[in-house]
């Protein structure tokens, strides 16, 4: 008996963005490694790549995620 069942059909109203096929799908059609989501609406899923870009930019520019400025890292002399 399997511990985890593979869910082949998603719930209505669960939206995903497939990174492999570059398309929005209702319910998970593709493997989890190839998708973003779930999203509450189709419109949110359609904006998945833009949302990821914005979050990455915020994260890259957040000073809390940088231990030291790049120009002084490794300067122990």
PDB file of N, CA and C in Angstrom:
ATOM      1  N   UNK A   1       0.840  -1.181   0.000  1.00  0.00           N
ATOM      2  CA  UNK A   1       0.000   0.000   0.000  1.00  0.00           C
ATOM      3  C   UNK A   1       0.891   1.252   0.000  1.00  0.00           C
ATOM      4  N   UNK A   2       0.616   2.136  -0.874  1.00  0.00           N
ATOM      5  CA  UNK A   2       1.416   3.349  -1.000  1.00  0.00           C
ATOM      6  C   UNK A   2       1.092   4.333   0.116  1.00  0.00           C
ATOM      7  N   UNK A   3       2.130   4.975   0.615  1.00  0.00           N
ATOM      8  CA  UNK A   3       1.932   5.986   1.646  1.00  0.00           C
ATOM      9  C   UNK A   3       1.291   7.241   1.089  1.00  0.00           C
ATOM     10  N   UNK A   4       1.757   7.647  -0.066  1.00  0.00           N
ATOM     11  CA  UNK A   4       1.238   8.849  -0.687  1.00  0.00           C
ATOM     12  C   UNK A   4       0.642   8.484  -2.033  1.00  0.00           C
ATOM     13  N   UNK A   5      -0.555   8.951  -2.251  1.00  0.00           N
ATOM     14  CA  UNK A   5      -1.191   8.709  -3.540  1.00  0.00           C
ATOM     15  C   UNK A   5      -0.850   9.856  -4.473  1.00  0.00           C
ATOM     16  N   UNK A   6      -0.558   9.523  -5.701  1.00  0.00           N
ATOM     17  CA  UNK A   6      -0.281  10.552  -6.701  1.00  0.00           C
ATOM     18  C   UNK A   6      -1.621  11.136  -7.150  1.00  0.00           C
ATOM     19  N   UNK A   7      -1.780  12.419  -6.938  1.00  0.00           N
ATOM     20  CA  UNK A   7      -3.012  13.082  -7.335  1.00  0.00           C
ATOM     21  C   UNK A   7      -2.905  13.453  -8.805  1.00  0.00           C
ATOM     22  N   UNK A   8      -3.758  12.885  -9.607  1.00  0.00           N
ATOM     23  CA  UNK A   8      -3.690  13.148 -11.045  1.00  0.00           C
ATOM     24  C   UNK A   8      -4.655  14.244 -11.474  1.00  0.00           C
ATOM     25  N   UNK A   9      -5.685  14.474 -10.697  1.00  0.00           N
ATOM     26  CA  UNK A   9      -6.660  15.492 -11.049  1.00  0.00           C
ATOM     27  C   UNK A   9      -6.662  16.551  -9.965  1.00  0.00           C
ATOM     28  N   UNK A  10      -6.581  17.795 -10.365  1.00  0.00           N
ATOM     29  CA  UNK A  10      -6.573  18.880  -9.402  1.00  0.00           C
ATOM     30  C   UNK A  10      -7.970  19.259  -8.971  1.00  0.00           C
ATOM     31  N   UNK A  11      -8.022  20.085  -7.974  1.00  0.00           N
ATOM     32  CA  UNK A  11      -9.301  20.595  -7.500  1.00  0.00           C
ATOM     33  C   UNK A  11      -9.746  21.738  -8.405  1.00  0.00           C
ATOM     34  N   UNK A  12     -11.023  21.827  -8.679  1.00  0.00           N
ATOM     35  CA  UNK A  12     -11.506  22.982  -9.437  1.00  0.00           C
ATOM     36  C   UNK A  12     -11.162  24.258  -8.677  1.00  0.00           C
ATOM     37  N   UNK A  13     -10.694  25.237  -9.374  1.00  0.00           N
ATOM     38  CA  UNK A  13     -10.331  26.501  -8.750  1.00  0.00           C
ATOM     39  C   UNK A  13      -8.869  26.591  -8.347  1.00  0.00           C
ATOM     40  N   UNK A  14      -8.116  25.515  -8.464  1.00  0.00           N
ATOM     41  CA  UNK A  14      -6.665  25.563  -8.231  1.00  0.00           C
ATOM     42  C   UNK A  14      -6.002  25.825  -9.565  1.00  0.00           C
ATOM     43  N   UNK A  15      -5.255  26.912  -9.651  1.00  0.00           N
ATOM     44  CA  UNK A  15      -4.609  27.287 -10.897  1.00  0.00           C
ATOM     45  C   UNK A  15      -3.104  27.204 -10.741  1.00  0.00           C
ATOM     46  N   UNK A  16      -2.445  26.757 -11.778  1.00  0.00           N
ATOM     47  CA  UNK A  16      -0.989  26.589 -11.789  1.00  0.00           C
ATOM     48  C   UNK A  16      -0.426  27.174 -13.076  1.00  0.00           C
ATOM     49  N   UNK A  17       0.857  27.536 -13.022  1.00  0.00           N
ATOM     50  CA  UNK A  17       1.562  27.945 -14.225  1.00  0.00           C
ATOM     51  C   UNK A  17       2.618  26.890 -14.506  1.00  0.00           C
ATOM     52  N   UNK A  18       2.536  26.237 -15.660  1.00  0.00           N
ATOM     53  CA  UNK A  18       3.477  25.198 -16.037  1.00  0.00           C
ATOM     54  C   UNK A  18       4.705  25.838 -16.678  1.00  0.00           C
ATOM     55  N   UNK A  19       5.867  25.613 -16.061  1.00  0.00           N
ATOM     56  CA  UNK A  19       7.115  26.173 -16.563  1.00  0.00           C
ATOM     57  C   UNK A  19       7.594  25.447 -17.815  1.00  0.00           C
ATOM     58  N   UNK A  20       7.238  24.196 -17.941  1.00  0.00           N
ATOM     59  CA  UNK A  20       7.653  23.379 -19.086  1.00  0.00           C
ATOM     60  C   UNK A  20       6.897  23.789 -20.353  1.00  0.00           C
ATOM     61  N   UNK A  21       5.576  23.940 -20.235  1.00  0.00           N
ATOM     62  CA  UNK A  21       4.739  24.236 -21.399  1.00  0.00           C
ATOM     63  C   UNK A  21       4.393  25.720 -21.533  1.00  0.00           C
ATOM     64  N   UNK A  22       4.792  26.508 -20.521  1.00  0.00           N
ATOM     65  CA  UNK A  22       4.529  27.951 -20.522  1.00  0.00           C
ATOM     66  C   UNK A  22       3.049  28.241 -20.699  1.00  0.00           C
ATOM     67  N   UNK A  23       2.233  27.564 -19.868  1.00  0.00           N
ATOM     68  CA  UNK A  23       0.790  27.765 -19.950  1.00  0.00           C
ATOM     69  C   UNK A  23       0.153  27.617 -18.579  1.00  0.00           C
ATOM     70  N   UNK A  24      -1.034  28.184 -18.453  1.00  0.00           N
ATOM     71  CA  UNK A  24      -1.817  28.094 -17.231  1.00  0.00           C
ATOM     72  C   UNK A  24      -2.670  26.829 -17.305  1.00  0.00           C
ATOM     73  N   UNK A  25      -2.753  26.124 -16.176  1.00  0.00           N
ATOM     74  CA  UNK A  25      -3.581  24.919 -16.123  1.00  0.00           C
ATOM     75  C   UNK A  25      -4.423  24.927 -14.855  1.00  0.00           C
ATOM     76  N   UNK A  26      -5.632  24.431 -14.976  1.00  0.00           N
ATOM     77  CA  UNK A  26      -6.490  24.303 -13.799  1.00  0.00           C
ATOM     78  C   UNK A  26      -6.258  22.923 -13.219  1.00  0.00           C
ATOM     79  N   UNK A  27      -5.841  22.896 -11.979  1.00  0.00           N
ATOM     80  CA  UNK A  27      -5.466  21.626 -11.367  1.00  0.00           C
ATOM     81  C   UNK A  27      -4.101  21.231 -11.880  1.00  0.00           C
ATOM     82  N   UNK A  28      -3.334  20.501 -11.075  1.00  0.00           N
ATOM     83  CA  UNK A  28      -1.986  20.137 -11.530  1.00  0.00           C
ATOM     84  C   UNK A  28      -2.026  19.088 -12.631  1.00  0.00           C
ATOM     85  N   UNK A  29      -1.582  19.467 -13.792  1.00  0.00           N
ATOM     86  CA  UNK A  29      -1.477  18.519 -14.905  1.00  0.00           C
ATOM     87  C   UNK A  29      -0.044  18.035 -15.056  1.00  0.00           C
ATOM     88  N   UNK A  30       0.902  18.900 -14.756  1.00  0.00           N
ATOM     89  CA  UNK A  30       2.322  18.578 -14.897  1.00  0.00           C
ATOM     90  C   UNK A  30       2.933  18.331 -13.520  1.00  0.00           C
ATOM     91  N   UNK A  31       4.102  17.695 -13.463  1.00  0.00           N
ATOM     92  CA  UNK A  31       4.754  17.425 -12.177  1.00  0.00           C
ATOM     93  C   UNK A  31       5.055  18.713 -11.406  1.00  0.00           C
ATOM     94  N   UNK A  32       5.099  18.600 -10.088  1.00  0.00           N
ATOM     95  CA  UNK A  32       5.321  19.760  -9.217  1.00  0.00           C
ATOM     96  C   UNK A  32       6.625  20.489  -9.550  1.00  0.00           C
ATOM     97  N   UNK A  33       7.638  19.751  -9.982  1.00  0.00           N
ATOM     98  CA  UNK A  33       8.931  20.386 -10.290  1.00  0.00           C
ATOM     99  C   UNK A  33       8.840  21.326 -11.495  1.00  0.00           C
ATOM    100  N   UNK A  34       7.774  21.219 -12.261  1.00  0.00           N
ATOM    101  CA  UNK A  34       7.618  22.027 -13.475  1.00  0.00           C
ATOM    102  C   UNK A  34       6.545  23.093 -13.371  1.00  0.00           C
ATOM    103  N   UNK A  35       6.104  23.427 -12.144  1.00  0.00           N
ATOM    104  CA  UNK A  35       5.000  24.381 -12.063  1.00  0.00           C
ATOM    105  C   UNK A  35       5.105  25.294 -10.851  1.00  0.00           C
ATOM    106  N   UNK A  36       4.466  26.448 -10.963  1.00  0.00           N
ATOM    107  CA  UNK A  36       4.267  27.382  -9.860  1.00  0.00           C
ATOM    108  C   UNK A  36       2.805  27.276  -9.466  1.00  0.00           C
ATOM    109  N   UNK A  37       2.524  27.442  -8.200  1.00  0.00           N
ATOM    110  CA  UNK A  37       1.139  27.451  -7.756  1.00  0.00           C
ATOM    111  C   UNK A  37       0.947  26.610  -6.521  1.00  0.00           C
ATOM    112  N   UNK A  38      -0.239  26.505  -6.042  1.00  0.00           N
ATOM    113  CA  UNK A  38      -1.495  26.923  -6.665  1.00  0.00           C
ATOM    114  C   UNK A  38      -1.785  28.406  -6.466  1.00  0.00           C
ATOM    115  N   UNK A  39      -2.549  28.941  -7.391  1.00  0.00           N
ATOM    116  CA  UNK A  39      -3.027  30.308  -7.337  1.00  0.00           C
ATOM    117  C   UNK A  39      -4.537  30.270  -7.194  1.00  0.00           C
ATOM    118  N   UNK A  40      -5.101  31.338  -6.639  1.00  0.00           N
ATOM    119  CA  UNK A  40      -6.542  31.401  -6.396  1.00  0.00           C
ATOM    120  C   UNK A  40      -7.332  31.665  -7.671  1.00  0.00           C
ATOM    121  N   UNK A  41      -6.683  32.260  -8.673  1.00  0.00           N
ATOM    122  CA  UNK A  41      -7.419  32.581  -9.902  1.00  0.00           C
ATOM    123  C   UNK A  41      -6.533  32.354 -11.126  1.00  0.00           C
ATOM    124  N   UNK A  42      -7.187  32.265 -12.256  1.00  0.00           N
ATOM    125  CA  UNK A  42      -6.463  32.113 -13.515  1.00  0.00           C
ATOM    126  C   UNK A  42      -5.565  33.327 -13.771  1.00  0.00           C
ATOM    127  N   UNK A  43      -6.077  34.517 -13.444  1.00  0.00           N
ATOM    128  CA  UNK A  43      -5.318  35.748 -13.666  1.00  0.00           C
ATOM    129  C   UNK A  43      -4.022  35.746 -12.845  1.00  0.00           C
ATOM    130  N   UNK A  44      -4.082  35.281 -11.597  1.00  0.00           N
ATOM    131  CA  UNK A  44      -2.869  35.214 -10.778  1.00  0.00           C
ATOM    132  C   UNK A  44      -1.859  34.248 -11.405  1.00  0.00           C
ATOM    133  N   UNK A  45      -2.333  33.120 -11.890  1.00  0.00           N
ATOM    134  CA  UNK A  45      -1.452  32.135 -12.522  1.00  0.00           C
ATOM    135  C   UNK A  45      -0.833  32.704 -13.799  1.00  0.00           C
ATOM    136  N   UNK A  46      -1.595  33.481 -14.554  1.00  0.00           N
ATOM    137  CA  UNK A  46      -1.069  34.088 -15.780  1.00  0.00           C
ATOM    138  C   UNK A  46       0.055  35.073 -15.470  1.00  0.00           C
ATOM    139  N   UNK A  47       0.039  35.662 -14.278  1.00  0.00           N
ATOM    140  CA  UNK A  47       1.059  36.632 -13.874  1.00  0.00           C
ATOM    141  C   UNK A  47       2.211  35.978 -13.106  1.00  0.00           C
ATOM    142  N   UNK A  48       2.274  34.657 -13.063  1.00  0.00           N
ATOM    143  CA  UNK A  48       3.251  33.933 -12.244  1.00  0.00           C
ATOM    144  C   UNK A  48       4.693  34.336 -12.531  1.00  0.00           C
ATOM    145  N   UNK A  49       5.064  34.429 -13.775  1.00  0.00           N
ATOM    146  CA  UNK A  49       6.453  34.761 -14.111  1.00  0.00           C
ATOM    147  C   UNK A  49       6.793  36.195 -13.720  1.00  0.00           C
ATOM    148  N   UNK A  50       5.868  37.109 -13.920  1.00  0.00           N
ATOM    149  CA  UNK A  50       6.090  38.502 -13.524  1.00  0.00           C
ATOM    150  C   UNK A  50       6.180  38.621 -12.005  1.00  0.00           C
ATOM    151  N   UNK A  51       5.321  37.919 -11.307  1.00  0.00           N
ATOM    152  CA  UNK A  51       5.361  37.907  -9.843  1.00  0.00           C
ATOM    153  C   UNK A  51       6.698  37.362  -9.360  1.00  0.00           C
ATOM    154  N   UNK A  52       7.179  36.287  -9.966  1.00  0.00           N
ATOM    155  CA  UNK A  52       8.470  35.699  -9.585  1.00  0.00           C
ATOM    156  C   UNK A  52       9.602  36.680  -9.853  1.00  0.00           C
ATOM    157  N   UNK A  53       9.569  37.377 -11.000  1.00  0.00           N
ATOM    158  CA  UNK A  53      10.595  38.371 -11.322  1.00  0.00           C
ATOM    159  C   UNK A  53      10.630  39.482 -10.270  1.00  0.00           C
ATOM    160  N   UNK A  54       9.442  39.983  -9.904  1.00  0.00           N
ATOM    161  CA  UNK A  54       9.356  41.061  -8.918  1.00  0.00           C
ATOM    162  C   UNK A  54       9.877  40.604  -7.556  1.00  0.00           C
ATOM    163  N   UNK A  55       9.502  39.401  -7.139  1.00  0.00           N
ATOM    164  CA  UNK A  55       9.949  38.887  -5.842  1.00  0.00           C
ATOM    165  C   UNK A  55      11.448  38.640  -5.834  1.00  0.00           C
ATOM    166  N   UNK A  56      11.990  38.142  -6.930  1.00  0.00           N
ATOM    167  CA  UNK A  56      13.439  37.934  -7.019  1.00  0.00           C
ATOM    168  C   UNK A  56      14.189  39.253  -6.917  1.00  0.00           C
ATOM    169  N   UNK A  57      13.690  40.272  -7.590  1.00  0.00           N
ATOM    170  CA  UNK A  57      14.326  41.583  -7.541  1.00  0.00           C
ATOM    171  C   UNK A  57      14.280  42.153  -6.124  1.00  0.00           C
ATOM    172  N   UNK A  58      13.135  42.037  -5.459  1.00  0.00           N
ATOM    173  CA  UNK A  58      13.027  42.498  -4.070  1.00  0.00           C
ATOM    174  C   UNK A  58      14.019  41.757  -3.181  1.00  0.00           C
ATOM    175  N   UNK A  59      14.098  40.460  -3.346  1.00  0.00           N
ATOM    176  CA  UNK A  59      14.984  39.637  -2.531  1.00  0.00           C
ATOM    177  C   UNK A  59      16.454  39.982  -2.779  1.00  0.00           C
ATOM    178  N   UNK A  60      16.824  40.154  -4.043  1.00  0.00           N
ATOM    179  CA  UNK A  60      18.210  40.483  -4.386  1.00  0.00           C
ATOM    180  C   UNK A  60      18.640  41.836  -3.836  1.00  0.00           C
ATOM    181  N   UNK A  61      17.678  42.740  -3.655  1.00  0.00           N
ATOM    182  CA  UNK A  61      17.996  44.086  -3.171  1.00  0.00           C
ATOM    183  C   UNK A  61      17.684  44.284  -1.690  1.00  0.00           C
ATOM    184  N   UNK A  62      17.304  43.244  -0.997  1.00  0.00           N
ATOM    185  CA  UNK A  62      16.982  43.335   0.424  1.00  0.00           C
ATOM    186  C   UNK A  62      18.264  43.224   1.238  1.00  0.00           C
ATOM    187  N   UNK A  63      18.645  44.266   1.980  1.00  0.00           N
ATOM    188  CA  UNK A  63      19.904  44.230   2.731  1.00  0.00           C
ATOM    189  C   UNK A  63      19.933  43.159   3.818  1.00  0.00           C
ATOM    190  N   UNK A  64      18.779  42.691   4.262  1.00  0.00           N
ATOM    191  CA  UNK A  64      18.758  41.651   5.295  1.00  0.00           C
ATOM    192  C   UNK A  64      19.297  40.323   4.781  1.00  0.00           C
ATOM    193  N   UNK A  65      19.386  40.137   3.454  1.00  0.00           N
ATOM    194  CA  UNK A  65      19.839  38.868   2.884  1.00  0.00           C
ATOM    195  C   UNK A  65      21.299  38.912   2.464  1.00  0.00           C
ATOM    196  N   UNK A  66      21.990  39.986   2.777  1.00  0.00           N
ATOM    197  CA  UNK A  66      23.395  40.120   2.411  1.00  0.00           C
ATOM    198  C   UNK A  66      24.225  40.264   3.680  1.00  0.00           C
ATOM    199  N   UNK A  67      25.212  39.392   3.854  1.00  0.00           N
ATOM    200  CA  UNK A  67      26.038  39.417   5.052  1.00  0.00           C
ATOM    201  C   UNK A  67      27.021  40.582   5.062  1.00  0.00           C
ATOM    202  N   UNK A  68      27.586  40.870   3.923  1.00  0.00           N
ATOM    203  CA  UNK A  68      28.574  41.941   3.841  1.00  0.00           C
ATOM    204  C   UNK A  68      28.518  42.550   2.449  1.00  0.00           C
ATOM    205  N   UNK A  69      28.894  43.805   2.332  1.00  0.00           N
ATOM    206  CA  UNK A  69      28.961  44.401   0.997  1.00  0.00           C
ATOM    207  C   UNK A  69      29.939  43.627   0.116  1.00  0.00           C
ATOM    208  N   UNK A  70      29.668  43.553  -1.145  1.00  0.00           N
ATOM    209  CA  UNK A  70      30.471  42.752  -2.079  1.00  0.00           C
ATOM    210  C   UNK A  70      31.919  43.213  -2.135  1.00  0.00           C
ATOM    211  N   UNK A  71      32.180  44.522  -2.005  1.00  0.00           N
ATOM    212  CA  UNK A  71      33.540  45.020  -2.134  1.00  0.00           C
ATOM    213  C   UNK A  71      34.414  44.735  -0.912  1.00  0.00           C
ATOM    214  N   UNK A  72      33.843  44.366   0.241  1.00  0.00           N
ATOM    215  CA  UNK A  72      34.647  44.084   1.436  1.00  0.00           C
ATOM    216  C   UNK A  72      34.653  42.614   1.790  1.00  0.00           C
ATOM    217  N   UNK A  73      33.908  41.793   1.103  1.00  0.00           N
ATOM    218  CA  UNK A  73      33.866  40.365   1.406  1.00  0.00           C
ATOM    219  C   UNK A  73      35.223  39.735   1.122  1.00  0.00           C
ATOM    220  N   UNK A  74      35.758  39.034   2.109  1.00  0.00           N
ATOM    221  CA  UNK A  74      37.033  38.348   1.927  1.00  0.00           C
ATOM    222  C   UNK A  74      38.238  39.200   2.183  1.00  0.00           C
ATOM    223  N   UNK A  75      38.081  40.460   2.577  1.00  0.00           N
ATOM    224  CA  UNK A  75      39.215  41.342   2.856  1.00  0.00           C
ATOM    225  C   UNK A  75      39.550  41.272   4.343  1.00  0.00           C
ATOM    226  N   UNK A  76      40.401  40.332   4.734  1.00  0.00           N
ATOM    227  CA  UNK A  76      40.797  40.163   6.121  1.00  0.00           C
ATOM    228  C   UNK A  76      42.187  40.712   6.383  1.00  0.00           C
ATOM    229  N   UNK A  77      42.806  41.376   5.433  1.00  0.00           N
ATOM    230  CA  UNK A  77      44.189  41.871   5.573  1.00  0.00           C
ATOM    231  C   UNK A  77      44.258  43.069   6.464  1.00  0.00           C
TER     232      UNK A  77
END
